[in-house]
C-alpha atoms as a PDB file:
ATOM      1  CA  MET A   1      73.209 102.206  84.508  1.00  0.00           C
ATOM      2  CA  PRO A   2      75.973 104.225  86.189  1.00  0.00           C
ATOM      3  CA  SER A   3      74.840 106.910  88.578  1.00  0.00           C
ATOM      4  CA  HIS A   4      76.428 110.236  89.414  1.00  0.00           C
ATOM      5  CA  SER A   5      77.728 108.918  92.690  1.00  0.00           C
ATOM      6  CA  ILE A   6      81.292 108.496  93.839  1.00  0.00           C
ATOM      7  CA  MET A   7      82.426 105.797  96.211  1.00  0.00           C
ATOM      8  CA  LEU A   8      85.175 106.584  98.698  1.00  0.00           C
ATOM      9  CA  VAL A   9      87.033 103.692 100.332  1.00  0.00           C
ATOM     10  CA  ASP A  10      89.527 104.598 103.070  1.00  0.00           C
ATOM     11  CA  ASP A  11      90.052 103.229 106.565  1.00  0.00           C
ATOM     12  CA  GLU A  12      91.056 106.585 108.064  1.00  0.00           C
ATOM     13  CA  PRO A  13      88.034 108.688 109.162  1.00  0.00           C
ATOM     14  CA  ALA A  14      89.953 111.961 108.700  1.00  0.00           C
ATOM     15  CA  ASN A  15      90.845 111.023 105.104  1.00  0.00           C
ATOM     16  CA  ARG A  16      87.230 110.099 104.355  1.00  0.00           C
ATOM     17  CA  GLU A  17      85.996 113.359 105.829  1.00  0.00           C
ATOM     18  CA  LEU A  18      88.473 115.529 103.900  1.00  0.00           C
ATOM     19  CA  ALA A  19      87.825 113.742 100.606  1.00  0.00           C
ATOM     20  CA  SER A  20      84.049 113.976 101.136  1.00  0.00           C
ATOM     21  CA  LEU A  21      84.336 117.703 101.831  1.00  0.00           C
ATOM     22  CA  ALA A  22      86.516 118.223  98.760  1.00  0.00           C
ATOM     23  CA  LEU A  23      84.082 116.309  96.544  1.00  0.00           C
ATOM     24  CA  ALA A  24      81.172 118.315  97.935  1.00  0.00           C
ATOM     25  CA  ASP A  25      83.065 121.589  97.455  1.00  0.00           C
ATOM     26  CA  LEU A  26      83.737 120.575  93.851  1.00  0.00           C
ATOM     27  CA  GLY A  27      80.091 119.599  93.305  1.00  0.00           C
ATOM     28  CA  LEU A  28      81.179 116.394  91.599  1.00  0.00           C
ATOM     29  CA  ALA A  29      78.683 113.877  92.937  1.00  0.00           C
ATOM     30  CA  ASP A  30      74.968 113.591  93.556  1.00  0.00           C
ATOM     31  CA  SER A  31      75.931 111.272  96.410  1.00  0.00           C
ATOM     32  CA  ILE A  32      79.044 109.897  98.059  1.00  0.00           C
ATOM     33  CA  LEU A  33      79.146 106.290  99.212  1.00  0.00           C
ATOM     34  CA  VAL A  34      81.673 105.690 101.985  1.00  0.00           C
ATOM     35  CA  ALA A  35      83.372 102.457 103.073  1.00  0.00           C
ATOM     36  CA  GLY A  36      85.972 102.050 105.818  1.00  0.00           C
ATOM     37  CA  ASN A  37      87.467  98.743 104.643  1.00  0.00           C
ATOM     38  CA  GLY A  38      87.608  96.400 101.672  1.00  0.00           C
ATOM     39  CA  GLU A  39      84.868  94.046 102.831  1.00  0.00           C
ATOM     40  CA  GLU A  40      82.476  96.926 103.441  1.00  0.00           C
ATOM     41  CA  ALA A  41      83.305  98.310  99.987  1.00  0.00           C
ATOM     42  CA  ILE A  42      82.357  95.023  98.327  1.00  0.00           C
ATOM     43  CA  ASP A  43      79.150  94.803 100.389  1.00  0.00           C
ATOM     44  CA  ILE A  44      78.158  98.327  99.337  1.00  0.00           C
ATOM     45  CA  LEU A  45      78.943  97.553  95.698  1.00  0.00           C
ATOM     46  CA  HIS A  46      76.664  94.496  95.857  1.00  0.00           C
ATOM     47  CA  ARG A  47      73.825  96.525  97.408  1.00  0.00           C
ATOM     48  CA  GLN A  48      74.208  99.268  94.815  1.00  0.00           C
ATOM     49  CA  LEU A  49      74.357  96.699  92.028  1.00  0.00           C
ATOM     50  CA  SER A  50      71.044  95.211  93.172  1.00  0.00           C
ATOM     51  CA  LEU A  51      69.569  98.725  93.041  1.00  0.00           C
ATOM     52  CA  ALA A  52      71.067  99.333  89.580  1.00  0.00           C
ATOM     53  CA  ALA A  53      72.821 102.331  91.132  1.00  0.00           C
ATOM     54  CA  SER A  54      76.517 101.506  91.241  1.00  0.00           C
ATOM     55  CA  PRO A  55      78.897 104.455  91.502  1.00  0.00           C
ATOM     56  CA  ALA A  56      80.461 106.081  88.455  1.00  0.00           C
ATOM     57  CA  VAL A  57      83.850 106.420  90.160  1.00  0.00           C
ATOM     58  CA  MET A  58      85.544 104.744  93.116  1.00  0.00           C
ATOM     59  CA  LEU A  59      88.367 106.424  95.044  1.00  0.00           C
ATOM     60  CA  LEU A  60      90.193 103.493  96.591  1.00  0.00           C
ATOM     61  CA  ASP A  61      92.892 103.451  99.251  1.00  0.00           C
ATOM     62  CA  LEU A  62      95.191 100.430  99.156  1.00  0.00           C
ATOM     63  CA  ASP A  63      96.238  99.730 102.737  1.00  0.00           C
ATOM     64  CA  LEU A  64      92.875  98.623 104.113  1.00  0.00           C
ATOM     65  CA  PRO A  65      92.100  96.267 106.979  1.00  0.00           C
ATOM     66  CA  GLY A  66      90.759  92.900 105.892  1.00  0.00           C
ATOM     67  CA  ARG A  67      90.650  92.933 102.123  1.00  0.00           C
ATOM     68  CA  HIS A  68      93.480  94.986 100.637  1.00  0.00           C
ATOM     69  CA  GLY A  69      92.553  97.697  98.163  1.00  0.00           C
ATOM     70  CA  ARG A  70      94.113  95.627  95.375  1.00  0.00           C
ATOM     71  CA  GLU A  71      91.593  92.859  96.143  1.00  0.00           C
ATOM     72  CA  VAL A  72      88.705  95.325  95.876  1.00  0.00           C
ATOM     73  CA  LEU A  73      90.170  96.617  92.612  1.00  0.00           C
ATOM     74  CA  ALA A  74      90.499  93.121  91.141  1.00  0.00           C
ATOM     75  CA  TYR A  75      87.014  92.136  92.313  1.00  0.00           C
ATOM     76  CA  SER A  76      85.417  95.237  90.787  1.00  0.00           C
ATOM     77  CA  ALA A  77      87.378  95.040  87.555  1.00  0.00           C
ATOM     78  CA  ASN A  78      86.408  91.384  87.045  1.00  0.00           C
ATOM     79  CA  HIS A  79      82.736  91.546  88.049  1.00  0.00           C
ATOM     80  CA  PRO A  80      80.530  91.930  84.958  1.00  0.00           C
ATOM     81  CA  GLY A  81      78.152  94.354  86.681  1.00  0.00           C
ATOM     82  CA  LEU A  82      80.926  96.541  88.094  1.00  0.00           C
ATOM     83  CA  LYS A  83      83.400  96.789  85.204  1.00  0.00           C
ATOM     84  CA  HIS A  84      82.060 100.208  84.183  1.00  0.00           C
ATOM     85  CA  ILE A  85      83.192 101.818  87.478  1.00  0.00           C
ATOM     86  CA  ILE A  86      86.229 104.048  87.029  1.00  0.00           C
ATOM     87  CA  ILE A  87      88.622 103.125  89.837  1.00  0.00           C
ATOM     88  CA  VAL A  88      91.156 105.690  90.978  1.00  0.00           C
ATOM     89  CA  ILE A  89      93.688 104.596  93.552  1.00  0.00           C
ATOM     90  CA  LEU A  90      94.205 107.313  96.184  1.00  0.00           C
ATOM     91  CA  THR A  91      97.085 106.250  98.397  1.00  0.00           C
ATOM     92  CA  THR A  92     100.263 107.238 100.193  1.00  0.00           C
ATOM     93  CA  ASP A  93     102.157 104.340  98.566  1.00  0.00           C
ATOM     94  CA  GLU A  94     104.581 105.838  96.058  1.00  0.00           C
ATOM     95  CA  ASP A  95     106.104 102.477  95.030  1.00  0.00           C
ATOM     96  CA  PRO A  96     106.254 102.308  91.196  1.00  0.00           C
ATOM     97  CA  ALA A  97     105.774  98.524  91.313  1.00  0.00           C
ATOM     98  CA  GLU A  98     102.517  98.982  93.258  1.00  0.00           C
ATOM     99  CA  ARG A  99     101.371 101.547  90.705  1.00  0.00           C
ATOM    100  CA  GLU A 100     102.091  99.078  87.890  1.00  0.00           C
ATOM    101  CA  ARG A 101     100.206  96.277  89.679  1.00  0.00           C
ATOM    102  CA  CYS A 102      97.142  98.471  90.152  1.00  0.00           C
ATOM    103  CA  VAL A 103      97.109  99.709  86.568  1.00  0.00           C
ATOM    104  CA  ALA A 104      97.485  96.113  85.356  1.00  0.00           C
ATOM    105  CA  LEU A 105      94.456  95.169  87.481  1.00  0.00           C
ATOM    106  CA  GLY A 106      92.364  97.901  85.885  1.00  0.00           C
ATOM    107  CA  ALA A 107      92.882 101.135  87.827  1.00  0.00           C
ATOM    108  CA  ALA A 108      92.242 104.181  85.658  1.00  0.00           C
ATOM    109  CA  ALA A 109      94.678 106.270  87.701  1.00  0.00           C
ATOM    110  CA  TYR A 110      97.031 106.033  90.663  1.00  0.00           C
ATOM    111  CA  TRP A 111      97.122 109.226  92.707  1.00  0.00           C
ATOM    112  CA  ILE A 112      99.260 109.995  95.739  1.00  0.00           C
ATOM    113  CA  LYS A 113      97.387 111.625  98.625  1.00  0.00           C
ATOM    114  CA  PRO A 114      98.445 115.256  98.900  1.00  0.00           C
ATOM    115  CA  ASN A 115      99.520 117.019 102.086  1.00  0.00           C
ATOM    116  CA  SER A 116      96.975 119.843 102.082  1.00  0.00           C
ATOM    117  CA  TYR A 117      93.257 120.312 101.561  1.00  0.00           C
ATOM    118  CA  ASP A 118      93.807 122.733  98.675  1.00  0.00           C
ATOM    119  CA  GLU A 119      96.008 120.179  96.901  1.00  0.00           C
ATOM    120  CA  LEU A 120      93.362 117.510  97.515  1.00  0.00           C
ATOM    121  CA  VAL A 121      90.672 119.694  95.942  1.00  0.00           C
ATOM    122  CA  LEU A 122      92.920 120.314  92.946  1.00  0.00           C
ATOM    123  CA  LEU A 123      93.682 116.590  92.601  1.00  0.00           C
ATOM    124  CA  LEU A 124      90.066 115.445  92.948  1.00  0.00           C
ATOM    125  CA  GLY A 125      89.008 118.032  90.389  1.00  0.00           C
ATOM    126  CA  GLY A 126      90.686 115.672  87.923  1.00  0.00           C
ATOM    127  CA  LEU A 127      87.757 113.285  88.368  1.00  0.00           C
ATOM    128  CA  ARG A 128      85.716 115.517  86.048  1.00  0.00           C
ATOM    129  CA  ARG A 129      87.222 113.724  83.045  1.00  0.00           C
ATOM    130  CA  TRP A 130      85.321 110.547  84.014  1.00  0.00           C
ATOM    131  CA  LEU A 131      82.030 111.994  85.170  1.00  0.00           C
ATOM    132  CA  PRO A 132      79.032 112.738  82.937  1.00  0.00           C
END
């Protein structure tokens, strides 16, 4: 059963901190799971799956060390126990071809990281459409 948690996957500590603060300010999640790379994201997903507590939404950066964000997206979208997770790409990559690849793999949205905290809060407020 999906929980009210959000998973945040980004290799940059400052990005993770800002997104976590924005999510907390918005009151969107009971908990925020944080991963710094693709491998860690998959490990966390497996642990949460075994607890029947996988996140409702995953905010996923693409340019990650080790496993690329696209690999995490494909893994999650194809795993029977993880298919319900809404995956939103949150990246600096504005390439339309990359956007198309991610949507084809199952991303619900492809958002470009904004330049200010206020814009980030506004953008992440859009997650409400997928949360209970």
